[in-house]
Amino acid sequence: MQDTPRTLKARLVGIDDLLRARPRVVVGGPRQIILITIAFGFLYGAVMGSFGGVTGERFWQVVYSATKVPLLLTLTFAISLPSFFIINTILGLRDDFAKSLRALVATQAALTVVLASFAPFTALWYASSSDYQSALLFNALMFGSASITAQLLLLRLYRPLIARNPRHRVMVRLWLVIYAFVGIQMGWVLRPFIGSPNVETAFFREGAWGNAYVEVTHIIMRVLGW
């Protein structure tokens, strides 16, 4: 029990190192980075799933969403990585891929920290609006904002690589495109993350497969009244 405050302090310092892009957490500490990704993803997911209440059957939506947010981020990363590796190889950057991978993994963890920091905004939105379609768009905005913020960190981590070979600058931008494209579709497949109060709570929704981009366009049009 005496080591608990010390352990907590070390973990907080690790998170601070991560957000500041300090080398010691980027080069080492894979276990810590994994724990950060799971813990903070779980936190935002729990808040995300609290739309419509947290009692009765809705409690299970909180549990499902808390589980699925880390799952979403992990699967998106895993699916995006092979194509990123191939393109790095084609552009002659394969020798730097180990360093690129460490930067990407650290950025993934930072993304979940930023996302968790948005949880109070999500809770406030839920308290201010009961419209399910608006809640969907608001959470999409939170995920998009966290992804863009994490991309800024990735740019900092990539500076030594870019200085070594300017083609790495293209790869940073390409990663964001690949990750966002895969992430949107994976989010659609793994839904519901929020869960409509008018629909029975379930881990997966029937007819999960479909084109996420078409559906998102329809949601935006409905919210805008078009």
Protein backbone atom coordinates (compact mmCIF):
# COMPACT_ATOMS: atom_id res chain seq x y z
CA MET A 1 0.00 0.00 0.00
CA GLN A 2 2.96 2.33 0.66
CA ASP A 3 3.98 2.15 -2.98
CA THR A 4 0.56 3.18 -4.28
CA PRO A 5 1.11 6.98 -4.23
CA ARG A 6 4.52 6.50 -5.83
CA THR A 7 3.05 4.28 -8.54
CA LEU A 8 0.25 6.78 -9.21
CA LYS A 9 2.75 9.62 -9.44
CA ALA A 10 4.89 7.62 -11.86
CA ARG A 11 1.88 6.97 -14.08
CA LEU A 12 0.89 10.63 -14.09
CA VAL A 13 4.45 11.59 -14.96
CA GLY A 14 4.33 9.03 -17.75
CA ILE A 15 1.18 10.63 -19.17
CA ASP A 16 2.82 14.05 -18.96
CA ASP A 17 5.89 12.70 -20.76
CA LEU A 18 3.61 11.27 -23.43
CA LEU A 19 1.81 14.56 -24.06
CA ARG A 20 5.11 16.43 -24.13
CA ALA A 21 6.57 13.92 -26.61
CA ARG A 22 9.51 13.16 -24.33
CA PRO A 23 11.77 10.39 -25.66
CA ARG A 24 11.75 8.15 -22.58
CA VAL A 25 8.06 7.29 -22.93
CA VAL A 26 8.22 7.07 -26.73
CA VAL A 27 11.25 4.81 -26.87
CA GLY A 28 10.28 2.60 -23.93
CA GLY A 29 7.34 1.79 -21.73
CA PRO A 30 5.11 -0.18 -24.14
CA ARG A 31 3.17 -1.65 -21.21
CA GLN A 32 2.44 1.80 -19.86
CA ILE A 33 1.33 3.06 -23.25
CA ILE A 34 -1.05 0.11 -23.64
CA LEU A 35 -2.52 0.73 -20.20
CA ILE A 36 -3.02 4.41 -21.02
CA THR A 37 -4.83 3.53 -24.24
CA ILE A 38 -7.17 1.08 -22.51
CA ALA A 39 -7.85 3.13 -19.37
CA PHE A 40 -8.57 6.47 -21.03
CA GLY A 41 -10.46 4.89 -23.90
CA PHE A 42 -12.59 3.06 -21.33
CA LEU A 43 -13.24 6.34 -19.50
CA TYR A 44 -14.50 8.22 -22.54
CA GLY A 45 -16.48 5.21 -23.71
CA ALA A 46 -18.32 5.03 -20.39
CA VAL A 47 -19.36 8.68 -20.65
CA MET A 48 -20.23 8.23 -24.31
CA GLY A 49 -22.59 5.40 -23.47
CA SER A 50 -24.35 7.32 -20.70
CA PHE A 51 -26.73 9.08 -23.10
CA GLY A 52 -30.30 8.49 -21.94
CA GLY A 53 -29.31 7.45 -18.41
CA VAL A 54 -27.20 4.87 -16.62
CA THR A 55 -29.83 2.87 -14.75
CA GLY A 56 -31.64 -0.33 -15.66
CA GLU A 57 -30.90 -1.65 -19.12
CA ARG A 58 -29.02 1.53 -20.01
CA PHE A 59 -26.26 0.54 -17.60
CA TRP A 60 -25.21 -2.14 -20.06
CA GLN A 61 -24.82 0.45 -22.79
CA VAL A 62 -22.29 2.23 -20.57
CA VAL A 63 -20.38 -1.04 -20.14
CA TYR A 64 -20.55 -1.87 -23.85
CA SER A 65 -19.39 1.57 -24.94
CA ALA A 66 -16.57 1.62 -22.40
CA THR A 67 -15.38 -1.69 -23.83
CA LYS A 68 -15.79 -0.77 -27.47
CA VAL A 69 -13.92 2.54 -27.56
CA PRO A 70 -10.51 0.94 -26.81
CA LEU A 71 -11.51 -1.87 -29.17
CA LEU A 72 -12.35 0.63 -31.91
CA LEU A 73 -9.04 2.44 -31.57
CA THR A 74 -7.01 -0.76 -31.40
CA LEU A 75 -8.68 -2.35 -34.43
CA THR A 76 -8.43 0.86 -36.44
CA PHE A 77 -4.73 1.05 -35.67
CA ALA A 78 -4.15 -2.62 -36.51
CA ILE A 79 -6.03 -2.42 -39.83
CA SER A 80 -4.33 0.83 -40.87
CA LEU A 81 -0.79 -0.30 -40.09
CA PRO A 82 -0.13 -2.86 -42.88
CA SER A 83 -0.88 -0.45 -45.73
CA PHE A 84 1.19 2.23 -43.98
CA PHE A 85 4.09 -0.22 -43.75
CA ILE A 86 3.84 -1.11 -47.43
CA ILE A 87 3.82 2.53 -48.51
CA ASN A 88 6.80 3.26 -46.27
CA THR A 89 8.62 0.40 -47.96
CA ILE A 90 7.75 1.63 -51.46
CA LEU A 91 9.02 5.13 -50.63
CA GLY A 92 12.30 3.73 -49.33
CA LEU A 93 11.57 4.48 -45.67
CA ARG A 94 11.47 0.95 -44.33
CA ASP A 95 14.70 1.32 -42.33
CA ASP A 96 12.98 4.01 -40.26
CA PHE A 97 9.77 2.07 -39.72
CA ALA A 98 10.61 0.95 -36.16
CA LYS A 99 10.94 4.59 -35.12
CA SER A 100 7.79 5.47 -37.02
CA LEU A 101 5.91 2.70 -35.26
CA ARG A 102 6.98 3.92 -31.81
CA ALA A 103 5.75 7.39 -32.72
CA LEU A 104 2.43 6.03 -33.97
CA VAL A 105 1.86 3.91 -30.85
CA ALA A 106 2.64 6.84 -28.57
CA THR A 107 0.27 9.03 -30.57
CA GLN A 108 -2.45 6.42 -30.25
CA ALA A 109 -2.15 6.56 -26.47
CA ALA A 110 -2.13 10.37 -26.51
CA LEU A 111 -5.30 10.34 -28.59
CA THR A 112 -7.15 8.47 -25.85
CA VAL A 113 -5.90 10.92 -23.20
CA VAL A 114 -7.17 13.86 -25.24
CA LEU A 115 -10.44 12.05 -25.88
CA ALA A 116 -10.90 11.40 -22.16
CA SER A 117 -10.30 15.10 -21.47
CA PHE A 118 -13.32 15.82 -23.69
CA ALA A 119 -15.57 13.59 -21.55
CA PRO A 120 -16.90 16.50 -19.43
CA PHE A 121 -18.00 18.28 -22.61
CA THR A 122 -19.83 15.16 -23.75
CA ALA A 123 -21.55 14.81 -20.37
CA LEU A 124 -22.57 18.48 -20.52
CA TRP A 125 -23.96 18.02 -24.03
CA TYR A 126 -26.02 15.06 -22.87
CA ALA A 127 -27.40 17.12 -20.00
CA SER A 128 -28.32 19.93 -22.40
CA SER A 129 -29.89 17.94 -25.24
CA SER A 130 -31.93 14.76 -25.57
CA ASP A 131 -31.65 14.58 -29.37
CA TYR A 132 -29.99 11.31 -30.35
CA GLN A 133 -28.85 12.45 -33.81
CA SER A 134 -27.15 15.51 -32.32
CA ALA A 135 -25.43 13.29 -29.77
CA LEU A 136 -24.03 11.17 -32.62
CA LEU A 137 -22.61 14.21 -34.39
CA PHE A 138 -21.22 15.69 -31.18
CA ASN A 139 -19.30 12.51 -30.40
CA ALA A 140 -18.02 12.38 -33.96
CA LEU A 141 -16.75 15.93 -33.43
CA MET A 142 -14.99 14.87 -30.22
CA PHE A 143 -13.30 11.95 -31.95
CA GLY A 144 -12.29 14.15 -34.87
CA SER A 145 -10.88 16.84 -32.58
CA ALA A 146 -8.91 14.29 -30.56
CA SER A 147 -7.51 12.75 -33.75
CA ILE A 148 -6.37 16.12 -35.10
CA THR A 149 -4.79 17.06 -31.76
CA ALA A 150 -2.96 13.73 -31.66
CA GLN A 151 -1.75 14.40 -35.18
CA LEU A 152 0.02 17.53 -33.90
CA LEU A 153 1.86 15.36 -31.39
CA LEU A 154 2.75 12.93 -34.15
CA LEU A 155 4.30 15.78 -36.12
CA ARG A 156 6.52 16.59 -33.14
CA LEU A 157 7.58 12.96 -32.81
CA TYR A 158 8.27 12.77 -36.54
CA ARG A 159 10.53 15.83 -36.68
CA PRO A 160 13.79 13.84 -36.44
CA LEU A 161 12.54 11.50 -39.17
CA ILE A 162 11.45 14.37 -41.40
CA ALA A 163 14.83 16.03 -40.90
CA ARG A 164 16.43 12.78 -42.02
CA ASN A 165 14.15 12.29 -45.03
CA PRO A 166 11.47 14.83 -46.13
CA ARG A 167 9.31 11.99 -47.49
CA HIS A 168 8.30 11.25 -43.90
CA ARG A 169 6.25 14.45 -43.98
CA VAL A 170 4.05 12.88 -46.65
CA MET A 171 3.69 9.75 -44.55
CA VAL A 172 2.47 11.71 -41.51
CA ARG A 173 -0.33 13.23 -43.57
CA LEU A 174 -1.10 9.92 -45.21
CA TRP A 175 -1.42 8.22 -41.82
CA LEU A 176 -4.13 10.67 -40.77
CA VAL A 177 -6.06 9.98 -43.97
CA ILE A 178 -5.77 6.20 -43.64
CA TYR A 179 -6.56 6.20 -39.93
CA ALA A 180 -9.60 8.46 -40.32
CA PHE A 181 -10.95 6.45 -43.27
CA VAL A 182 -10.66 3.14 -41.43
CA GLY A 183 -11.82 4.59 -38.12
CA ILE A 184 -15.08 5.94 -39.48
CA GLN A 185 -15.98 2.63 -41.06
CA MET A 186 -14.96 0.64 -37.96
CA GLY A 187 -17.05 2.93 -35.81
CA TRP A 188 -20.02 2.14 -38.00
CA VAL A 189 -19.43 -1.62 -37.81
CA LEU A 190 -19.00 -1.62 -34.02
CA ARG A 191 -22.02 0.59 -33.29
CA PRO A 192 -23.92 1.38 -31.16
CA PHE A 193 -21.57 3.41 -29.01
CA ILE A 194 -24.28 5.71 -27.72
CA GLY A 195 -27.40 3.65 -28.17
CA SER A 196 -30.80 5.14 -28.82
CA PRO A 197 -33.01 5.04 -25.70
CA ASN A 198 -35.85 3.87 -27.97
CA VAL A 199 -33.96 0.76 -29.09
CA GLU A 200 -33.16 -2.32 -27.04
CA THR A 201 -29.62 -2.24 -25.67
CA ALA A 202 -27.26 -4.59 -27.52
CA PHE A 203 -23.52 -4.96 -28.00
CA PHE A 204 -23.87 -4.99 -31.80
CA ARG A 205 -26.64 -3.63 -33.94
CA GLU A 206 -28.36 -5.79 -36.53
CA GLY A 207 -27.18 -5.10 -40.06
CA ALA A 208 -23.84 -3.75 -38.83
CA TRP A 209 -22.21 -3.71 -42.24
CA GLY A 210 -22.85 -0.82 -44.56
CA ASN A 211 -21.28 2.35 -45.91
CA ALA A 212 -20.53 4.63 -42.99
CA TYR A 213 -19.99 7.68 -45.17
CA VAL A 214 -23.43 7.48 -46.74
CA GLU A 215 -25.06 7.07 -43.34
CA VAL A 216 -23.14 9.97 -41.79
CA THR A 217 -24.26 12.19 -44.66
CA HIS A 218 -27.87 11.19 -44.02
CA ILE A 219 -27.52 11.96 -40.29
CA ILE A 220 -26.10 15.42 -41.01
CA MET A 221 -28.93 16.14 -43.44
CA ARG A 222 -31.55 15.06 -40.89
CA VAL A 223 -30.05 17.24 -38.16
CA LEU A 224 -29.96 20.22 -40.51
CA GLY A 225 -33.51 19.52 -41.65
CA TRP A 226 -32.62 18.98 -45.31
